């Protein structure tokens, strides 16, 4: 050895555990959460059993991480997280069912519609500018629309240009 050796203390594991949990905040996948919890447990065990060698700590960390990931996945599969607003982060999907007026004509199946503060690329049958359409699907970052025929307006979702309230109902 060179005379200087790095000695692992229990607080190294505690700091690693907290750091992994902070990574989980930035990259939510639950893997870093389980690894962070495993590191915290290793730190507590090492604090209670100071003679635990480094190999034992690594093995304990690996076993706890693997076990926590398996048990966590099993738990989340049986108890999925249910949101009261499942389309919150799927912006295009929030527009399904809305009625809008074409901002640009649909030519060769492609046009544009203005919803709220966004100009959306739309796909659908060729239609002239100012034709009224209903959003029926999301395709990537674009919307699929169908022409709105006279008397077919059954939805209460309108864009603001049509005198609606932006999609929350009249």
N, C-alpha and C. Protein backbone atom coordinates (compact mmCIF):
# COMPACT_ATOMS: atom_id res chain seq x y z
N UNK A 1 0.83 -1.19 0.00
CA UNK A 1 0.00 0.00 0.00
C UNK A 1 0.88 1.25 0.00
N UNK A 2 0.31 2.34 -0.35
CA UNK A 2 1.06 3.59 -0.46
C UNK A 2 1.14 4.36 0.85
N UNK A 3 0.59 3.84 1.89
CA UNK A 3 0.64 4.52 3.17
C UNK A 3 -0.65 5.25 3.51
N UNK A 4 -1.47 5.55 2.52
CA UNK A 4 -2.77 6.17 2.79
C UNK A 4 -3.85 5.23 2.28
N UNK A 5 -4.72 4.87 3.15
CA UNK A 5 -5.83 3.99 2.81
C UNK A 5 -7.13 4.72 3.07
N UNK A 6 -8.06 4.52 2.19
CA UNK A 6 -9.39 5.08 2.38
C UNK A 6 -10.17 4.15 3.29
N UNK A 7 -10.66 4.66 4.37
CA UNK A 7 -11.43 3.87 5.32
C UNK A 7 -12.90 4.26 5.20
N UNK A 8 -13.73 3.26 4.99
CA UNK A 8 -15.16 3.51 4.87
C UNK A 8 -15.77 3.51 6.27
N UNK A 9 -16.50 4.56 6.57
CA UNK A 9 -17.22 4.66 7.83
C UNK A 9 -18.72 4.55 7.56
N UNK A 10 -19.50 4.36 8.62
CA UNK A 10 -20.95 4.22 8.45
C UNK A 10 -21.56 5.44 7.80
N UNK A 11 -21.01 6.62 8.10
CA UNK A 11 -21.61 7.83 7.55
C UNK A 11 -21.40 7.94 6.05
N UNK A 12 -20.37 7.26 5.50
CA UNK A 12 -20.22 7.23 4.04
C UNK A 12 -21.45 6.58 3.41
N UNK A 13 -21.91 5.50 4.02
CA UNK A 13 -23.09 4.80 3.50
C UNK A 13 -24.33 5.67 3.65
N UNK A 14 -24.43 6.39 4.77
CA UNK A 14 -25.59 7.26 4.97
C UNK A 14 -25.61 8.39 3.93
N UNK A 15 -24.45 8.97 3.66
CA UNK A 15 -24.37 10.03 2.66
C UNK A 15 -24.68 9.47 1.28
N UNK A 16 -24.15 8.28 0.96
CA UNK A 16 -24.45 7.64 -0.33
C UNK A 16 -25.95 7.40 -0.45
N UNK A 17 -26.58 6.92 0.63
CA UNK A 17 -28.02 6.67 0.60
C UNK A 17 -28.81 7.94 0.32
N UNK A 18 -28.46 9.02 0.99
CA UNK A 18 -29.15 10.29 0.77
C UNK A 18 -28.89 10.82 -0.64
N UNK A 19 -27.65 10.67 -1.12
CA UNK A 19 -27.32 11.12 -2.48
C UNK A 19 -28.13 10.35 -3.52
N UNK A 20 -28.26 9.04 -3.34
CA UNK A 20 -29.04 8.24 -4.28
C UNK A 20 -30.51 8.64 -4.25
N UNK A 21 -31.01 8.99 -3.08
CA UNK A 21 -32.40 9.44 -2.99
C UNK A 21 -32.58 10.81 -3.66
N UNK A 22 -31.58 11.66 -3.60
CA UNK A 22 -31.65 12.94 -4.31
C UNK A 22 -31.63 12.71 -5.82
N UNK A 23 -30.84 11.73 -6.27
CA UNK A 23 -30.84 11.38 -7.69
C UNK A 23 -32.24 10.91 -8.10
N UNK A 24 -32.90 10.18 -7.21
CA UNK A 24 -34.27 9.70 -7.49
C UNK A 24 -35.22 10.86 -7.73
N UNK A 25 -35.01 11.96 -7.03
CA UNK A 25 -35.86 13.14 -7.24
C UNK A 25 -35.70 13.69 -8.65
N UNK A 26 -34.47 13.63 -9.18
CA UNK A 26 -34.21 14.16 -10.51
C UNK A 26 -34.57 13.16 -11.61
N UNK A 27 -34.39 11.88 -11.34
CA UNK A 27 -34.64 10.83 -12.33
C UNK A 27 -35.60 9.80 -11.74
N UNK A 28 -36.87 10.14 -11.62
CA UNK A 28 -37.80 9.22 -10.95
C UNK A 28 -37.97 7.91 -11.70
N UNK A 29 -37.47 6.85 -11.10
CA UNK A 29 -37.62 5.52 -11.68
C UNK A 29 -37.82 4.48 -10.59
N UNK A 30 -37.66 4.85 -9.36
CA UNK A 30 -37.69 4.06 -8.12
C UNK A 30 -36.43 3.24 -7.91
N UNK A 31 -35.60 3.02 -8.93
CA UNK A 31 -34.37 2.24 -8.73
C UNK A 31 -33.43 2.94 -7.76
N UNK A 32 -33.25 4.23 -7.92
CA UNK A 32 -32.35 4.96 -7.03
C UNK A 32 -32.92 5.04 -5.62
N UNK A 33 -34.24 5.04 -5.50
CA UNK A 33 -34.86 5.02 -4.18
C UNK A 33 -34.48 3.75 -3.44
N UNK A 34 -34.62 2.60 -4.11
CA UNK A 34 -34.30 1.32 -3.46
C UNK A 34 -32.82 1.21 -3.15
N UNK A 35 -31.97 1.69 -4.05
CA UNK A 35 -30.53 1.66 -3.79
C UNK A 35 -30.19 2.59 -2.62
N UNK A 36 -30.84 3.73 -2.55
CA UNK A 36 -30.62 4.66 -1.45
C UNK A 36 -31.04 4.08 -0.12
N UNK A 37 -32.20 3.42 -0.11
CA UNK A 37 -32.65 2.76 1.13
C UNK A 37 -31.68 1.66 1.54
N UNK A 38 -31.19 0.89 0.57
CA UNK A 38 -30.22 -0.17 0.87
C UNK A 38 -28.95 0.42 1.47
N UNK A 39 -28.46 1.53 0.92
CA UNK A 39 -27.26 2.17 1.44
C UNK A 39 -27.49 2.68 2.86
N UNK A 40 -28.66 3.24 3.13
CA UNK A 40 -28.97 3.69 4.49
C UNK A 40 -28.98 2.52 5.47
N UNK A 41 -29.56 1.40 5.06
CA UNK A 41 -29.59 0.22 5.94
C UNK A 41 -28.17 -0.28 6.18
N UNK A 42 -27.33 -0.32 5.14
CA UNK A 42 -25.93 -0.75 5.32
C UNK A 42 -25.23 0.20 6.30
N UNK A 43 -25.48 1.50 6.19
CA UNK A 43 -24.88 2.46 7.11
C UNK A 43 -25.31 2.21 8.54
N UNK A 44 -26.58 1.91 8.75
CA UNK A 44 -27.08 1.64 10.10
C UNK A 44 -26.49 0.33 10.63
N UNK A 45 -26.45 -0.70 9.78
CA UNK A 45 -25.87 -1.99 10.20
C UNK A 45 -24.39 -1.81 10.53
N UNK A 46 -23.66 -1.06 9.71
CA UNK A 46 -22.24 -0.83 9.95
C UNK A 46 -22.03 -0.01 11.22
N UNK A 47 -22.96 0.88 11.54
CA UNK A 47 -22.88 1.64 12.78
C UNK A 47 -23.09 0.71 13.98
N UNK A 48 -24.03 -0.24 13.84
CA UNK A 48 -24.30 -1.19 14.92
C UNK A 48 -23.23 -2.27 15.03
N UNK A 49 -22.63 -2.64 13.90
CA UNK A 49 -21.59 -3.68 13.86
C UNK A 49 -20.36 -3.06 13.19
N UNK A 50 -19.55 -2.29 13.93
CA UNK A 50 -18.43 -1.58 13.33
C UNK A 50 -17.35 -2.50 12.75
N UNK A 51 -17.31 -3.75 13.13
CA UNK A 51 -16.29 -4.66 12.63
C UNK A 51 -16.62 -5.27 11.28
N UNK A 52 -17.75 -4.91 10.69
CA UNK A 52 -18.15 -5.46 9.40
C UNK A 52 -17.16 -4.99 8.33
N UNK A 53 -16.48 -5.95 7.66
CA UNK A 53 -15.47 -5.57 6.67
C UNK A 53 -16.12 -5.04 5.40
N UNK A 54 -15.28 -4.45 4.54
CA UNK A 54 -15.78 -3.80 3.34
C UNK A 54 -16.47 -4.79 2.40
N UNK A 55 -15.92 -5.99 2.27
CA UNK A 55 -16.55 -7.01 1.42
C UNK A 55 -17.95 -7.33 1.92
N UNK A 56 -18.09 -7.46 3.22
CA UNK A 56 -19.41 -7.73 3.81
C UNK A 56 -20.38 -6.59 3.57
N UNK A 57 -19.88 -5.36 3.62
CA UNK A 57 -20.73 -4.20 3.37
C UNK A 57 -21.23 -4.19 1.92
N UNK A 58 -20.32 -4.48 0.98
CA UNK A 58 -20.70 -4.49 -0.44
C UNK A 58 -21.71 -5.61 -0.71
N UNK A 59 -21.46 -6.79 -0.14
CA UNK A 59 -22.39 -7.91 -0.33
C UNK A 59 -23.76 -7.56 0.26
N UNK A 60 -23.77 -6.98 1.46
CA UNK A 60 -25.03 -6.58 2.09
C UNK A 60 -25.75 -5.54 1.24
N UNK A 61 -25.01 -4.57 0.72
CA UNK A 61 -25.60 -3.54 -0.14
C UNK A 61 -26.21 -4.17 -1.39
N UNK A 62 -25.49 -5.09 -2.03
CA UNK A 62 -25.98 -5.73 -3.25
C UNK A 62 -27.24 -6.55 -2.97
N UNK A 63 -27.22 -7.32 -1.89
CA UNK A 63 -28.38 -8.16 -1.55
C UNK A 63 -29.58 -7.28 -1.20
N UNK A 64 -29.36 -6.25 -0.41
CA UNK A 64 -30.46 -5.36 -0.03
C UNK A 64 -31.01 -4.60 -1.25
N UNK A 65 -30.13 -4.15 -2.12
CA UNK A 65 -30.58 -3.44 -3.32
C UNK A 65 -31.42 -4.35 -4.19
N UNK A 66 -30.91 -5.54 -4.47
CA UNK A 66 -31.63 -6.49 -5.31
C UNK A 66 -32.98 -6.84 -4.68
N UNK A 67 -32.98 -7.12 -3.39
CA UNK A 67 -34.23 -7.48 -2.70
C UNK A 67 -35.22 -6.32 -2.71
N UNK A 68 -34.73 -5.12 -2.45
CA UNK A 68 -35.62 -3.95 -2.42
C UNK A 68 -36.23 -3.68 -3.79
N UNK A 69 -35.44 -3.85 -4.85
CA UNK A 69 -35.97 -3.63 -6.20
C UNK A 69 -37.04 -4.65 -6.52
N UNK A 70 -36.77 -5.92 -6.23
CA UNK A 70 -37.75 -6.98 -6.51
C UNK A 70 -39.03 -6.76 -5.71
N UNK A 71 -38.88 -6.52 -4.40
CA UNK A 71 -40.07 -6.32 -3.56
C UNK A 71 -40.81 -5.03 -3.94
N UNK A 72 -40.06 -3.98 -4.26
CA UNK A 72 -40.69 -2.72 -4.66
C UNK A 72 -41.47 -2.85 -5.95
N UNK A 73 -40.89 -3.54 -6.94
CA UNK A 73 -41.60 -3.75 -8.21
C UNK A 73 -42.86 -4.58 -7.98
N UNK A 74 -42.73 -5.61 -7.15
CA UNK A 74 -43.89 -6.46 -6.87
C UNK A 74 -44.99 -5.65 -6.18
N UNK A 75 -44.61 -4.81 -5.22
CA UNK A 75 -45.59 -3.99 -4.51
C UNK A 75 -46.27 -3.01 -5.47
N UNK A 76 -45.47 -2.33 -6.30
CA UNK A 76 -46.05 -1.34 -7.22
C UNK A 76 -46.91 -1.99 -8.29
N UNK A 77 -46.60 -3.24 -8.62
CA UNK A 77 -47.43 -3.95 -9.60
C UNK A 77 -48.80 -4.28 -8.99
N UNK A 78 -48.80 -4.65 -7.72
CA UNK A 78 -50.07 -4.98 -7.03
C UNK A 78 -50.83 -3.74 -6.60
N UNK A 79 -50.13 -2.66 -6.34
CA UNK A 79 -50.75 -1.42 -5.86
C UNK A 79 -50.30 -0.26 -6.75
N UNK A 80 -50.79 -0.20 -7.99
CA UNK A 80 -50.36 0.87 -8.89
C UNK A 80 -50.78 2.24 -8.38
N UNK A 81 -49.97 3.22 -8.71
CA UNK A 81 -50.27 4.59 -8.33
C UNK A 81 -51.35 5.12 -9.27
N UNK A 82 -52.48 5.51 -8.70
CA UNK A 82 -53.62 5.98 -9.49
C UNK A 82 -53.71 7.50 -9.33
N UNK A 83 -53.82 8.17 -10.45
CA UNK A 83 -53.91 9.62 -10.44
C UNK A 83 -55.35 10.04 -10.72
N UNK A 84 -55.78 11.12 -10.08
CA UNK A 84 -57.10 11.66 -10.38
C UNK A 84 -57.06 12.48 -11.67
N UNK A 85 -55.86 12.73 -12.20
CA UNK A 85 -55.69 13.45 -13.47
C UNK A 85 -54.64 12.73 -14.31
N UNK A 86 -54.99 11.58 -14.88
CA UNK A 86 -54.00 10.78 -15.60
C UNK A 86 -53.43 11.44 -16.84
N UNK A 87 -54.11 12.41 -17.40
CA UNK A 87 -53.63 13.07 -18.61
C UNK A 87 -52.88 14.36 -18.30
N UNK A 88 -52.55 14.60 -17.05
CA UNK A 88 -51.92 15.85 -16.65
C UNK A 88 -50.63 16.13 -17.42
N UNK A 89 -49.78 15.14 -17.58
CA UNK A 89 -48.50 15.34 -18.26
C UNK A 89 -48.51 14.85 -19.70
N UNK A 90 -49.67 14.56 -20.23
CA UNK A 90 -49.82 14.15 -21.62
C UNK A 90 -50.61 15.27 -22.29
N UNK A 91 -49.91 16.33 -22.60
CA UNK A 91 -50.59 17.57 -23.00
C UNK A 91 -51.52 17.39 -24.19
N UNK A 92 -51.08 16.68 -25.21
CA UNK A 92 -51.91 16.50 -26.38
C UNK A 92 -53.19 15.75 -26.06
N UNK A 93 -53.11 14.77 -25.17
CA UNK A 93 -54.28 13.97 -24.82
C UNK A 93 -55.35 14.81 -24.12
N UNK A 94 -54.95 15.88 -23.50
CA UNK A 94 -55.91 16.76 -22.84
C UNK A 94 -56.83 17.43 -23.86
N UNK A 95 -56.42 17.45 -25.11
CA UNK A 95 -57.21 18.12 -26.15
C UNK A 95 -58.20 17.20 -26.84
N UNK A 96 -58.16 15.91 -26.56
CA UNK A 96 -59.08 14.98 -27.23
C UNK A 96 -60.51 15.36 -26.87
N UNK A 97 -61.34 15.47 -27.91
CA UNK A 97 -62.73 15.86 -27.72
C UNK A 97 -62.98 17.35 -27.89
N UNK A 98 -61.92 18.13 -27.90
CA UNK A 98 -62.10 19.58 -28.05
C UNK A 98 -62.45 19.94 -29.48
N UNK A 99 -63.18 21.02 -29.61
CA UNK A 99 -63.59 21.54 -30.91
C UNK A 99 -62.79 22.81 -31.16
N UNK A 100 -62.27 22.93 -32.39
CA UNK A 100 -61.46 24.08 -32.73
C UNK A 100 -61.71 24.50 -34.17
N UNK A 101 -61.19 25.65 -34.52
CA UNK A 101 -61.26 26.17 -35.88
C UNK A 101 -59.87 26.11 -36.49
N UNK A 102 -59.78 25.61 -37.73
CA UNK A 102 -58.47 25.49 -38.37
C UNK A 102 -57.81 26.85 -38.53
N UNK A 103 -56.58 26.94 -38.09
CA UNK A 103 -55.78 28.15 -38.23
C UNK A 103 -55.15 28.21 -39.62
N UNK A 104 -54.79 27.04 -40.14
CA UNK A 104 -54.30 26.88 -41.50
C UNK A 104 -55.06 25.73 -42.13
N UNK A 105 -55.31 25.76 -43.43
CA UNK A 105 -56.08 24.67 -44.05
C UNK A 105 -55.32 23.34 -43.97
N UNK A 106 -56.08 22.26 -43.98
CA UNK A 106 -55.45 20.94 -44.06
C UNK A 106 -55.27 20.63 -45.54
N UNK A 107 -54.02 20.55 -45.96
CA UNK A 107 -53.68 20.25 -47.35
C UNK A 107 -52.81 19.00 -47.34
N UNK A 108 -53.17 18.03 -48.17
CA UNK A 108 -52.47 16.74 -48.20
C UNK A 108 -52.43 16.10 -46.82
N UNK A 109 -53.50 16.30 -46.06
CA UNK A 109 -53.64 15.66 -44.76
C UNK A 109 -52.98 16.36 -43.60
N UNK A 110 -52.35 17.54 -43.83
CA UNK A 110 -51.63 18.24 -42.76
C UNK A 110 -52.08 19.69 -42.69
N UNK A 111 -52.37 20.16 -41.47
CA UNK A 111 -52.76 21.55 -41.27
C UNK A 111 -52.38 21.99 -39.87
N UNK A 112 -52.97 23.11 -39.42
CA UNK A 112 -52.67 23.62 -38.08
C UNK A 112 -53.93 24.15 -37.44
N UNK A 113 -53.99 23.99 -36.11
CA UNK A 113 -55.11 24.48 -35.33
C UNK A 113 -54.52 25.18 -34.10
N UNK A 114 -55.20 26.21 -33.64
CA UNK A 114 -54.75 26.96 -32.47
C UNK A 114 -55.62 26.57 -31.28
N UNK A 115 -55.00 25.96 -30.26
CA UNK A 115 -55.71 25.61 -29.03
C UNK A 115 -54.98 26.26 -27.86
N UNK A 116 -55.71 27.00 -27.06
CA UNK A 116 -55.14 27.75 -25.94
C UNK A 116 -54.00 28.62 -26.47
N UNK A 117 -52.79 28.43 -25.98
CA UNK A 117 -51.68 29.27 -26.43
C UNK A 117 -50.73 28.54 -27.37
N UNK A 118 -51.19 27.43 -27.96
CA UNK A 118 -50.31 26.60 -28.78
C UNK A 118 -50.89 26.39 -30.17
N UNK A 119 -50.02 26.46 -31.15
CA UNK A 119 -50.38 26.14 -32.53
C UNK A 119 -49.98 24.69 -32.76
N UNK A 120 -50.98 23.81 -32.97
CA UNK A 120 -50.75 22.38 -33.11
C UNK A 120 -50.77 21.96 -34.57
N UNK A 121 -49.87 21.07 -34.93
CA UNK A 121 -49.91 20.43 -36.24
C UNK A 121 -51.00 19.37 -36.16
N UNK A 122 -51.86 19.33 -37.18
CA UNK A 122 -52.97 18.37 -37.18
C UNK A 122 -52.95 17.53 -38.45
N UNK A 123 -53.47 16.32 -38.32
CA UNK A 123 -53.65 15.41 -39.45
C UNK A 123 -55.14 15.15 -39.61
N UNK A 124 -55.59 15.09 -40.84
CA UNK A 124 -56.99 14.80 -41.10
C UNK A 124 -57.29 14.99 -42.57
N UNK A 125 -58.57 14.87 -42.92
CA UNK A 125 -58.95 15.07 -44.32
C UNK A 125 -58.76 16.53 -44.72
N UNK A 126 -58.48 16.77 -45.98
CA UNK A 126 -58.27 18.13 -46.47
C UNK A 126 -59.50 18.99 -46.18
N UNK A 127 -59.25 20.14 -45.55
CA UNK A 127 -60.32 21.07 -45.18
C UNK A 127 -59.82 22.49 -45.36
N UNK A 128 -60.73 23.44 -45.60
CA UNK A 128 -60.32 24.84 -45.78
C UNK A 128 -60.03 25.50 -44.43
N UNK A 129 -59.36 26.64 -44.49
CA UNK A 129 -59.11 27.42 -43.29
C UNK A 129 -60.45 27.78 -42.65
N UNK A 130 -60.48 27.92 -41.35
CA UNK A 130 -61.66 28.24 -40.54
C UNK A 130 -62.68 27.12 -40.46
N UNK A 131 -62.37 25.94 -41.02
CA UNK A 131 -63.29 24.80 -40.85
C UNK A 131 -63.24 24.37 -39.39
N UNK A 132 -64.38 23.93 -38.89
CA UNK A 132 -64.44 23.49 -37.49
C UNK A 132 -64.15 21.99 -37.43
N UNK A 133 -63.28 21.62 -36.48
CA UNK A 133 -62.85 20.23 -36.36
C UNK A 133 -62.91 19.80 -34.89
N UNK A 134 -62.96 18.48 -34.71
CA UNK A 134 -62.91 17.90 -33.37
C UNK A 134 -61.63 17.08 -33.27
N UNK A 135 -60.89 17.24 -32.18
CA UNK A 135 -59.67 16.46 -31.94
C UNK A 135 -60.09 15.06 -31.50
N UNK A 136 -59.59 14.05 -32.22
CA UNK A 136 -60.00 12.67 -31.92
C UNK A 136 -58.86 11.79 -31.42
N UNK A 137 -57.60 12.21 -31.63
CA UNK A 137 -56.48 11.39 -31.18
C UNK A 137 -55.21 12.22 -31.13
N UNK A 138 -54.21 11.66 -30.47
CA UNK A 138 -52.89 12.27 -30.41
C UNK A 138 -51.93 11.33 -31.12
N UNK A 139 -51.11 11.89 -31.99
CA UNK A 139 -50.10 11.11 -32.71
C UNK A 139 -48.76 11.78 -32.49
N UNK A 140 -48.04 11.33 -31.48
CA UNK A 140 -46.77 11.96 -31.13
C UNK A 140 -47.02 13.35 -30.58
N UNK A 141 -46.50 14.36 -31.29
CA UNK A 141 -46.71 15.75 -30.86
C UNK A 141 -47.72 16.46 -31.76
N UNK A 142 -48.49 15.67 -32.50
CA UNK A 142 -49.51 16.22 -33.39
C UNK A 142 -50.88 15.66 -33.00
N UNK A 143 -51.92 16.29 -33.53
CA UNK A 143 -53.29 15.88 -33.23
C UNK A 143 -53.97 15.35 -34.49
N UNK A 144 -54.81 14.36 -34.32
CA UNK A 144 -55.65 13.84 -35.41
C UNK A 144 -57.01 14.50 -35.23
N UNK A 145 -57.56 15.06 -36.32
CA UNK A 145 -58.85 15.75 -36.25
C UNK A 145 -59.81 15.19 -37.28
N UNK A 146 -61.10 15.41 -36.99
CA UNK A 146 -62.17 15.06 -37.92
C UNK A 146 -63.00 16.32 -38.15
N UNK A 147 -63.57 16.45 -39.34
CA UNK A 147 -64.41 17.63 -39.57
C UNK A 147 -65.64 17.59 -38.68
N UNK A 148 -66.05 18.74 -38.22
CA UNK A 148 -67.25 18.85 -37.40
C UNK A 148 -68.39 19.26 -38.33
N UNK A 149 -69.35 18.39 -38.48
CA UNK A 149 -70.47 18.66 -39.38
C UNK A 149 -71.53 19.46 -38.66
N UNK A 150 -72.31 20.23 -39.38
CA UNK A 150 -73.37 21.04 -38.78
C UNK A 150 -74.30 20.17 -37.96
N UNK A 151 -74.58 20.62 -36.74
CA UNK A 151 -75.49 19.89 -35.86
C UNK A 151 -74.82 18.75 -35.12
N UNK A 152 -73.53 18.51 -35.36
CA UNK A 152 -72.83 17.40 -34.71
C UNK A 152 -72.11 17.83 -33.46
N UNK A 153 -72.28 19.08 -33.07
CA UNK A 153 -71.55 19.61 -31.93
C UNK A 153 -72.22 19.17 -30.63
N UNK A 154 -71.74 18.07 -30.08
CA UNK A 154 -72.32 17.56 -28.84
C UNK A 154 -71.42 17.78 -27.65
N UNK A 155 -70.15 18.04 -27.90
CA UNK A 155 -69.20 18.25 -26.80
C UNK A 155 -69.30 19.68 -26.31
N UNK A 156 -68.98 19.89 -25.06
CA UNK A 156 -68.96 21.24 -24.51
C UNK A 156 -67.56 21.81 -24.50
N UNK A 157 -66.60 21.12 -25.10
CA UNK A 157 -65.22 21.58 -25.12
C UNK A 157 -64.97 22.39 -26.39
N UNK A 158 -64.74 23.69 -26.21
CA UNK A 158 -64.48 24.59 -27.34
C UNK A 158 -63.17 25.30 -27.09
N UNK A 159 -62.55 25.75 -28.18
CA UNK A 159 -61.39 26.60 -27.97
C UNK A 159 -61.86 28.02 -27.72
N UNK A 160 -60.98 28.85 -27.20
CA UNK A 160 -61.37 30.21 -26.83
C UNK A 160 -61.78 31.04 -28.03
N UNK A 161 -61.21 30.76 -29.19
CA UNK A 161 -61.58 31.53 -30.38
C UNK A 161 -63.02 31.26 -30.79
N UNK A 162 -63.57 30.13 -30.36
CA UNK A 162 -64.94 29.79 -30.70
C UNK A 162 -65.93 30.28 -29.64
N UNK A 163 -65.44 31.05 -28.68
CA UNK A 163 -66.32 31.56 -27.65
C UNK A 163 -66.43 30.63 -26.46
N UNK A 164 -65.67 29.55 -26.50
CA UNK A 164 -65.68 28.61 -25.37
C UNK A 164 -64.77 29.12 -24.27
N UNK A 165 -64.59 28.30 -23.25
CA UNK A 165 -63.80 28.74 -22.11
C UNK A 165 -62.43 28.07 -22.07
N UNK A 166 -61.94 27.58 -23.19
CA UNK A 166 -60.61 27.01 -23.21
C UNK A 166 -60.60 25.53 -22.92
N UNK A 167 -61.75 24.89 -22.92
CA UNK A 167 -61.77 23.44 -22.78
C UNK A 167 -62.30 22.92 -21.48
N UNK A 168 -62.74 23.78 -20.58
CA UNK A 168 -63.25 23.25 -19.31
C UNK A 168 -64.76 23.14 -19.31
N UNK A 169 -65.39 23.40 -20.42
CA UNK A 169 -66.86 23.29 -20.51
C UNK A 169 -67.52 24.64 -20.50
N UNK A 170 -68.69 24.71 -21.08
CA UNK A 170 -69.43 25.98 -21.12
C UNK A 170 -70.36 26.08 -19.95
